[in-house]
Amino acid sequence: MKTIKNAVLTSLLALGAAAPAFAQESKKESEFQLLLGGALELGGDNIATVYFTNGEDQKVNAGQGGSIAVGGQLKLANAPRFLLRTTVGFKYLTTQADNVHIRLTRIPFITTANWMVAPKLRIGAGLSAHTGIRFKTGGIGDDMKFKGAVGPILEIAYSGIGLSYTAMKYTDTEKNTYSANAIGITISGVVRPKKK
């Protein structure tokens, strides 16, 4: 867990520190921009099943959930088609239960290297690290905790809307493993600084 946090913090610090360093080495300045994003993802193994009084049930899958994220994007002056992106977010999945708050939450850190194939077409690959992985039953069952997890992530996006695939495994405190592989629809955009 500490290794994941240290790796992610190092990535964030390196990304932030790299912007002024690259700007000094080139006549044309590198751009560091605020990056905002989100995703809706599906997939993964069933970690729990919620049964309702009407006879229906709902599975809670490890890779499923919606997320929001904030971070930074660095566009290098000497390689304008190459982008470095780092975000930290919150991923959340709940159930249809209306009398109890059942949810699966995690904090994803994502760092990717990206290439602009065309002005609006981007492909990226990197690592996704999930920490704080918790399944809360709202008191009707046993809560579950999982160890931090790291896995590769791939993305292709056009004009800010993309498809992603993450390969990952969650391990609970009893050492049971669950696939948290997920395919998702992503949305992202940068806050461009005002021109002086």
C-alpha atoms as a PDB file:
ATOM      1  CA  MET A   1       0.000   0.000   0.000  1.00  0.00           C
ATOM      2  CA  LYS A   2       2.801   2.424   0.916  1.00  0.00           C
ATOM      3  CA  THR A   3       4.617   1.441  -2.296  1.00  0.00           C
ATOM      4  CA  ILE A   4       1.571   2.343  -4.397  1.00  0.00           C
ATOM      5  CA  LYS A   5       1.113   5.676  -2.630  1.00  0.00           C
ATOM      6  CA  ASN A   6       4.817   6.506  -2.951  1.00  0.00           C
ATOM      7  CA  ALA A   7       4.827   5.617  -6.665  1.00  0.00           C
ATOM      8  CA  VAL A   8       1.769   7.745  -7.335  1.00  0.00           C
ATOM      9  CA  LEU A   9       3.054  10.718  -5.324  1.00  0.00           C
ATOM     10  CA  THR A  10       6.388  10.494  -7.135  1.00  0.00           C
ATOM     11  CA  SER A  11       4.568  10.527 -10.510  1.00  0.00           C
ATOM     12  CA  LEU A  12       2.514  13.569  -9.529  1.00  0.00           C
ATOM     13  CA  LEU A  13       5.540  15.475  -8.250  1.00  0.00           C
ATOM     14  CA  ALA A  14       7.608  14.570 -11.312  1.00  0.00           C
ATOM     15  CA  LEU A  15       4.851  15.700 -13.661  1.00  0.00           C
ATOM     16  CA  GLY A  16       4.496  19.027 -11.887  1.00  0.00           C
ATOM     17  CA  ALA A  17       8.232  19.597 -11.595  1.00  0.00           C
ATOM     18  CA  ALA A  18       8.888  18.694 -15.225  1.00  0.00           C
ATOM     19  CA  ALA A  19       6.874  21.583 -16.670  1.00  0.00           C
ATOM     20  CA  PRO A  20       9.249  24.435 -15.732  1.00  0.00           C
ATOM     21  CA  ALA A  21      12.321  22.294 -16.462  1.00  0.00           C
ATOM     22  CA  PHE A  22      11.221  21.582 -20.017  1.00  0.00           C
ATOM     23  CA  ALA A  23      10.176  25.188 -20.501  1.00  0.00           C
ATOM     24  CA  GLN A  24      13.725  26.367 -19.711  1.00  0.00           C
ATOM     25  CA  GLU A  25      15.326  23.961 -22.200  1.00  0.00           C
ATOM     26  CA  SER A  26      13.318  25.153 -25.200  1.00  0.00           C
ATOM     27  CA  LYS A  27      12.436  28.479 -26.777  1.00  0.00           C
ATOM     28  CA  LYS A  28       8.853  27.262 -27.074  1.00  0.00           C
ATOM     29  CA  GLU A  29       7.456  26.595 -23.613  1.00  0.00           C
ATOM     30  CA  SER A  30       5.957  23.303 -22.492  1.00  0.00           C
ATOM     31  CA  GLU A  31       2.338  23.483 -21.400  1.00  0.00           C
ATOM     32  CA  PHE A  32       1.069  22.214 -18.052  1.00  0.00           C
ATOM     33  CA  GLN A  33      -2.728  22.238 -17.829  1.00  0.00           C
ATOM     34  CA  LEU A  34      -5.347  21.280 -15.294  1.00  0.00           C
ATOM     35  CA  LEU A  35      -7.011  18.021 -16.367  1.00  0.00           C
ATOM     36  CA  LEU A  36     -10.578  17.022 -15.432  1.00  0.00           C
ATOM     37  CA  GLY A  37     -12.160  13.681 -16.221  1.00  0.00           C
ATOM     38  CA  GLY A  38     -14.656  10.984 -15.483  1.00  0.00           C
ATOM     39  CA  ALA A  39     -15.569   7.446 -16.501  1.00  0.00           C
ATOM     40  CA  LEU A  40     -18.338   4.849 -16.441  1.00  0.00           C
ATOM     41  CA  GLU A  41     -16.923   1.314 -16.254  1.00  0.00           C
ATOM     42  CA  LEU A  42     -18.241  -2.247 -16.341  1.00  0.00           C
ATOM     43  CA  GLY A  43     -16.654  -5.613 -15.642  1.00  0.00           C
ATOM     44  CA  GLY A  44     -14.872  -7.669 -13.045  1.00  0.00           C
ATOM     45  CA  ASP A  45     -15.832 -10.542 -10.789  1.00  0.00           C
ATOM     46  CA  ASN A  46     -18.872 -10.519  -8.544  1.00  0.00           C
ATOM     47  CA  ILE A  47     -17.756  -9.726  -4.982  1.00  0.00           C
ATOM     48  CA  ALA A  48     -21.260  -9.712  -3.483  1.00  0.00           C
ATOM     49  CA  THR A  49     -24.913 -10.188  -4.406  1.00  0.00           C
ATOM     50  CA  VAL A  50     -27.645  -8.030  -2.866  1.00  0.00           C
ATOM     51  CA  TYR A  51     -31.081  -9.661  -2.554  1.00  0.00           C
ATOM     52  CA  PHE A  52     -34.246  -7.552  -2.438  1.00  0.00           C
ATOM     53  CA  THR A  53     -37.627  -8.295  -0.852  1.00  0.00           C
ATOM     54  CA  ASN A  54     -39.318  -8.298  -4.288  1.00  0.00           C
ATOM     55  CA  GLY A  55     -37.259 -11.354  -5.283  1.00  0.00           C
ATOM     56  CA  GLU A  56     -34.797  -9.479  -7.468  1.00  0.00           C
ATOM     57  CA  ASP A  57     -31.046  -9.341  -6.874  1.00  0.00           C
ATOM     58  CA  GLN A  58     -28.101  -7.190  -7.937  1.00  0.00           C
ATOM     59  CA  LYS A  59     -24.477  -8.208  -8.338  1.00  0.00           C
ATOM     60  CA  VAL A  60     -21.650  -5.948  -7.190  1.00  0.00           C
ATOM     61  CA  ASN A  61     -18.794  -6.341  -9.673  1.00  0.00           C
ATOM     62  CA  ALA A  62     -15.240  -5.338  -8.764  1.00  0.00           C
ATOM     63  CA  GLY A  63     -14.535  -3.351 -11.937  1.00  0.00           C
ATOM     64  CA  GLN A  64     -17.856  -1.548 -12.122  1.00  0.00           C
ATOM     65  CA  GLY A  65     -18.524   2.055 -11.156  1.00  0.00           C
ATOM     66  CA  GLY A  66     -18.555   5.700 -12.063  1.00  0.00           C
ATOM     67  CA  SER A  67     -15.617   7.962 -11.333  1.00  0.00           C
ATOM     68  CA  ILE A  68     -14.550  11.597 -11.339  1.00  0.00           C
ATOM     69  CA  ALA A  69     -10.921  12.725 -11.428  1.00  0.00           C
ATOM     70  CA  VAL A  70      -8.656  15.749 -11.388  1.00  0.00           C
ATOM     71  CA  GLY A  71      -4.985  16.033 -12.299  1.00  0.00           C
ATOM     72  CA  GLY A  72      -2.597  17.505 -14.812  1.00  0.00           C
ATOM     73  CA  GLN A  73      -1.529  17.197 -18.426  1.00  0.00           C
ATOM     74  CA  LEU A  74       1.965  18.069 -19.633  1.00  0.00           C
ATOM     75  CA  LYS A  75       2.551  18.823 -23.305  1.00  0.00           C
ATOM     76  CA  LEU A  76       6.267  18.874 -24.091  1.00  0.00           C
ATOM     77  CA  ALA A  77       7.651  21.702 -26.218  1.00  0.00           C
ATOM     78  CA  ASN A  78      10.093  19.418 -28.046  1.00  0.00           C
ATOM     79  CA  ALA A  79       7.457  16.707 -28.668  1.00  0.00           C
ATOM     80  CA  PRO A  80       4.082  18.459 -29.055  1.00  0.00           C
ATOM     81  CA  ARG A  81       2.230  15.247 -30.000  1.00  0.00           C
ATOM     82  CA  PHE A  82       3.341  13.519 -26.777  1.00  0.00           C
ATOM     83  CA  LEU A  83       1.330  14.100 -23.577  1.00  0.00           C
ATOM     84  CA  LEU A  84       1.872  12.976 -19.996  1.00  0.00           C
ATOM     85  CA  ARG A  85      -1.314  12.731 -17.922  1.00  0.00           C
ATOM     86  CA  THR A  86      -1.789  12.054 -14.209  1.00  0.00           C
ATOM     87  CA  THR A  87      -5.063  12.062 -12.257  1.00  0.00           C
ATOM     88  CA  VAL A  88      -6.431  11.147  -8.855  1.00  0.00           C
ATOM     89  CA  GLY A  89     -10.110  10.354  -8.527  1.00  0.00           C
ATOM     90  CA  PHE A  90     -12.962   8.689  -6.690  1.00  0.00           C
ATOM     91  CA  LYS A  91     -14.714   5.598  -8.077  1.00  0.00           C
ATOM     92  CA  TYR A  92     -18.123   4.676  -6.723  1.00  0.00           C
ATOM     93  CA  LEU A  93     -20.701   1.931  -7.156  1.00  0.00           C
ATOM     94  CA  THR A  94     -23.965   1.654  -5.253  1.00  0.00           C
ATOM     95  CA  THR A  95     -27.024  -0.602  -5.430  1.00  0.00           C
ATOM     96  CA  GLN A  96     -30.763  -0.152  -5.908  1.00  0.00           C
ATOM     97  CA  ALA A  97     -31.441  -0.655  -2.181  1.00  0.00           C
ATOM     98  CA  ASP A  98     -33.376   2.329  -0.845  1.00  0.00           C
ATOM     99  CA  ASN A  99     -33.298   1.518   2.868  1.00  0.00           C
ATOM    100  CA  VAL A 100     -29.547   0.935   3.257  1.00  0.00           C
ATOM    101  CA  HIS A 101     -26.431   2.481   1.714  1.00  0.00           C
ATOM    102  CA  ILE A 102     -24.472  -0.380   0.112  1.00  0.00           C
ATOM    103  CA  ARG A 103     -21.446   0.758  -1.890  1.00  0.00           C
ATOM    104  CA  LEU A 104     -18.048  -0.140  -3.317  1.00  0.00           C
ATOM    105  CA  THR A 105     -15.565   2.745  -3.265  1.00  0.00           C
ATOM    106  CA  ARG A 106     -11.944   3.201  -4.301  1.00  0.00           C
ATOM    107  CA  ILE A 107      -9.432   5.953  -5.045  1.00  0.00           C
ATOM    108  CA  PRO A 108      -7.803   5.500  -8.466  1.00  0.00           C
ATOM    109  CA  PHE A 109      -4.479   7.114  -9.386  1.00  0.00           C
ATOM    110  CA  ILE A 110      -3.810   6.981 -13.137  1.00  0.00           C
ATOM    111  CA  THR A 111      -0.628   7.950 -14.989  1.00  0.00           C
ATOM    112  CA  THR A 112      -0.430   7.565 -18.772  1.00  0.00           C
ATOM    113  CA  ALA A 113       1.818   8.423 -21.695  1.00  0.00           C
ATOM    114  CA  ASN A 114      -0.235   9.569 -24.690  1.00  0.00           C
ATOM    115  CA  TRP A 115       0.329  10.136 -28.394  1.00  0.00           C
ATOM    116  CA  MET A 116      -1.793  12.438 -30.560  1.00  0.00           C
ATOM    117  CA  VAL A 117      -2.268  10.375 -33.723  1.00  0.00           C
ATOM    118  CA  ALA A 118      -4.305  13.230 -35.234  1.00  0.00           C
ATOM    119  CA  PRO A 119      -5.348  16.644 -33.849  1.00  0.00           C
ATOM    120  CA  LYS A 120      -8.349  15.108 -32.007  1.00  0.00           C
ATOM    121  CA  LEU A 121      -7.341  11.424 -31.825  1.00  0.00           C
ATOM    122  CA  ARG A 122      -5.346  10.282 -28.786  1.00  0.00           C
ATOM    123  CA  ILE A 123      -4.027   6.884 -27.732  1.00  0.00           C
ATOM    124  CA  GLY A 124      -2.577   6.277 -24.283  1.00  0.00           C
ATOM    125  CA  ALA A 125      -1.100   3.586 -22.074  1.00  0.00           C
ATOM    126  CA  GLY A 126       0.032   3.578 -18.462  1.00  0.00           C
ATOM    127  CA  LEU A 127      -0.715   2.391 -14.960  1.00  0.00           C
ATOM    128  CA  SER A 128      -3.785   2.594 -12.751  1.00  0.00           C
ATOM    129  CA  ALA A 129      -3.377   2.185  -8.977  1.00  0.00           C
ATOM    130  CA  HIS A 130      -6.416   1.723  -6.723  1.00  0.00           C
ATOM    131  CA  THR A 131      -6.207   2.411  -3.005  1.00  0.00           C
ATOM    132  CA  GLY A 132      -8.817   2.672  -0.255  1.00  0.00           C
ATOM    133  CA  ILE A 133     -10.854  -0.170  -1.787  1.00  0.00           C
ATOM    134  CA  ARG A 134     -13.855  -0.735   0.493  1.00  0.00           C
ATOM    135  CA  PHE A 135     -17.174  -2.565   0.212  1.00  0.00           C
ATOM    136  CA  LYS A 136     -19.681  -1.294   2.798  1.00  0.00           C
ATOM    137  CA  THR A 137     -22.927  -3.145   3.461  1.00  0.00           C
ATOM    138  CA  GLY A 138     -24.612  -0.501   5.596  1.00  0.00           C
ATOM    139  CA  GLY A 139     -24.830  -2.882   8.551  1.00  0.00           C
ATOM    140  CA  ILE A 140     -26.768  -5.716   6.880  1.00  0.00           C
ATOM    141  CA  GLY A 141     -23.662  -7.858   6.318  1.00  0.00           C
ATOM    142  CA  ASP A 142     -19.914  -7.981   6.697  1.00  0.00           C
ATOM    143  CA  ASP A 143     -17.914  -5.106   5.247  1.00  0.00           C
ATOM    144  CA  MET A 144     -14.922  -6.000   3.055  1.00  0.00           C
ATOM    145  CA  LYS A 145     -11.502  -4.402   2.678  1.00  0.00           C
ATOM    146  CA  PHE A 146      -9.069  -5.011  -0.165  1.00  0.00           C
ATOM    147  CA  LYS A 147      -5.353  -4.460  -0.570  1.00  0.00           C
ATOM    148  CA  GLY A 148      -4.185  -1.744  -2.948  1.00  0.00           C
ATOM    149  CA  ALA A 149      -3.957  -2.897  -6.563  1.00  0.00           C
ATOM    150  CA  VAL A 150      -2.003  -1.833  -9.648  1.00  0.00           C
ATOM    151  CA  GLY A 151      -2.623  -2.717 -13.288  1.00  0.00           C
ATOM    152  CA  PRO A 152      -2.119  -1.491 -16.845  1.00  0.00           C
ATOM    153  CA  ILE A 153      -4.608   0.820 -18.536  1.00  0.00           C
ATOM    154  CA  LEU A 154      -5.118   1.482 -22.259  1.00  0.00           C
ATOM    155  CA  GLU A 155      -7.215   4.248 -23.774  1.00  0.00           C
ATOM    156  CA  ILE A 156      -8.220   5.575 -27.163  1.00  0.00           C
ATOM    157  CA  ALA A 157     -10.097   8.860 -27.321  1.00  0.00           C
ATOM    158  CA  TYR A 158     -11.487  11.236 -29.897  1.00  0.00           C
ATOM    159  CA  SER A 159     -12.174  14.835 -28.963  1.00  0.00           C
ATOM    160  CA  GLY A 160     -12.261  14.110 -25.225  1.00  0.00           C
ATOM    161  CA  ILE A 161     -14.506  11.020 -25.336  1.00  0.00           C
ATOM    162  CA  GLY A 162     -12.835   7.629 -25.245  1.00  0.00           C
ATOM    163  CA  LEU A 163     -12.802   3.938 -24.488  1.00  0.00           C
ATOM    164  CA  SER A 164     -10.546   2.463 -21.829  1.00  0.00           C
ATOM    165  CA  TYR A 165      -9.531  -0.974 -20.636  1.00  0.00           C
ATOM    166  CA  THR A 166      -7.981  -1.649 -17.219  1.00  0.00           C
ATOM    167  CA  ALA A 167      -6.558  -5.017 -16.158  1.00  0.00           C
ATOM    168  CA  MET A 168      -6.416  -5.429 -12.377  1.00  0.00           C
ATOM    169  CA  LYS A 169      -6.975  -7.853  -9.502  1.00  0.00           C
ATOM    170  CA  TYR A 170      -8.309  -7.078  -6.041  1.00  0.00           C
ATOM    171  CA  THR A 171      -7.224  -9.174  -3.048  1.00  0.00           C
ATOM    172  CA  ASP A 172      -9.290  -9.143   0.148  1.00  0.00           C
ATOM    173  CA  THR A 173      -8.049  -9.618   3.715  1.00  0.00           C
ATOM    174  CA  GLU A 174      -8.690 -13.388   3.420  1.00  0.00           C
ATOM    175  CA  LYS A 175      -6.383 -13.476   0.346  1.00  0.00           C
ATOM    176  CA  ASN A 176      -9.251 -14.206  -2.046  1.00  0.00           C
ATOM    177  CA  THR A 177      -8.661 -12.590  -5.437  1.00  0.00           C
ATOM    178  CA  TYR A 178     -11.207 -10.976  -7.743  1.00  0.00           C
ATOM    179  CA  SER A 179     -10.780  -9.763 -11.291  1.00  0.00           C
ATOM    180  CA  ALA A 180     -11.338  -6.008 -11.387  1.00  0.00           C
ATOM    181  CA  ASN A 181     -10.816  -5.811 -15.147  1.00  0.00           C
ATOM    182  CA  ALA A 182     -12.972  -3.045 -16.552  1.00  0.00           C
ATOM    183  CA  ILE A 183     -13.934  -1.559 -19.878  1.00  0.00           C
ATOM    184  CA  GLY A 184     -15.178   1.993 -19.760  1.00  0.00           C
ATOM    185  CA  ILE A 185     -16.355   5.118 -21.501  1.00  0.00           C
ATOM    186  CA  THR A 186     -14.183   8.078 -20.500  1.00  0.00           C
ATOM    187  CA  ILE A 187     -14.495  11.812 -20.814  1.00  0.00           C
ATOM    188  CA  SER A 188     -11.684  14.279 -20.200  1.00  0.00           C
ATOM    189  CA  GLY A 189     -10.674  17.826 -20.921  1.00  0.00           C
ATOM    190  CA  VAL A 190      -8.119  20.428 -19.973  1.00  0.00           C
ATOM    191  CA  VAL A 191      -8.596  23.892 -18.529  1.00  0.00           C
ATOM    192  CA  ARG A 192      -6.593  26.056 -20.888  1.00  0.00           C
ATOM    193  CA  PRO A 193      -4.772  29.038 -19.380  1.00  0.00           C
ATOM    194  CA  LYS A 194      -5.838  32.476 -20.574  1.00  0.00           C
ATOM    195  CA  LYS A 195      -3.564  33.966 -23.185  1.00  0.00           C
ATOM    196  CA  LYS A 196      -1.779  37.090 -22.024  1.00  0.00           C
END
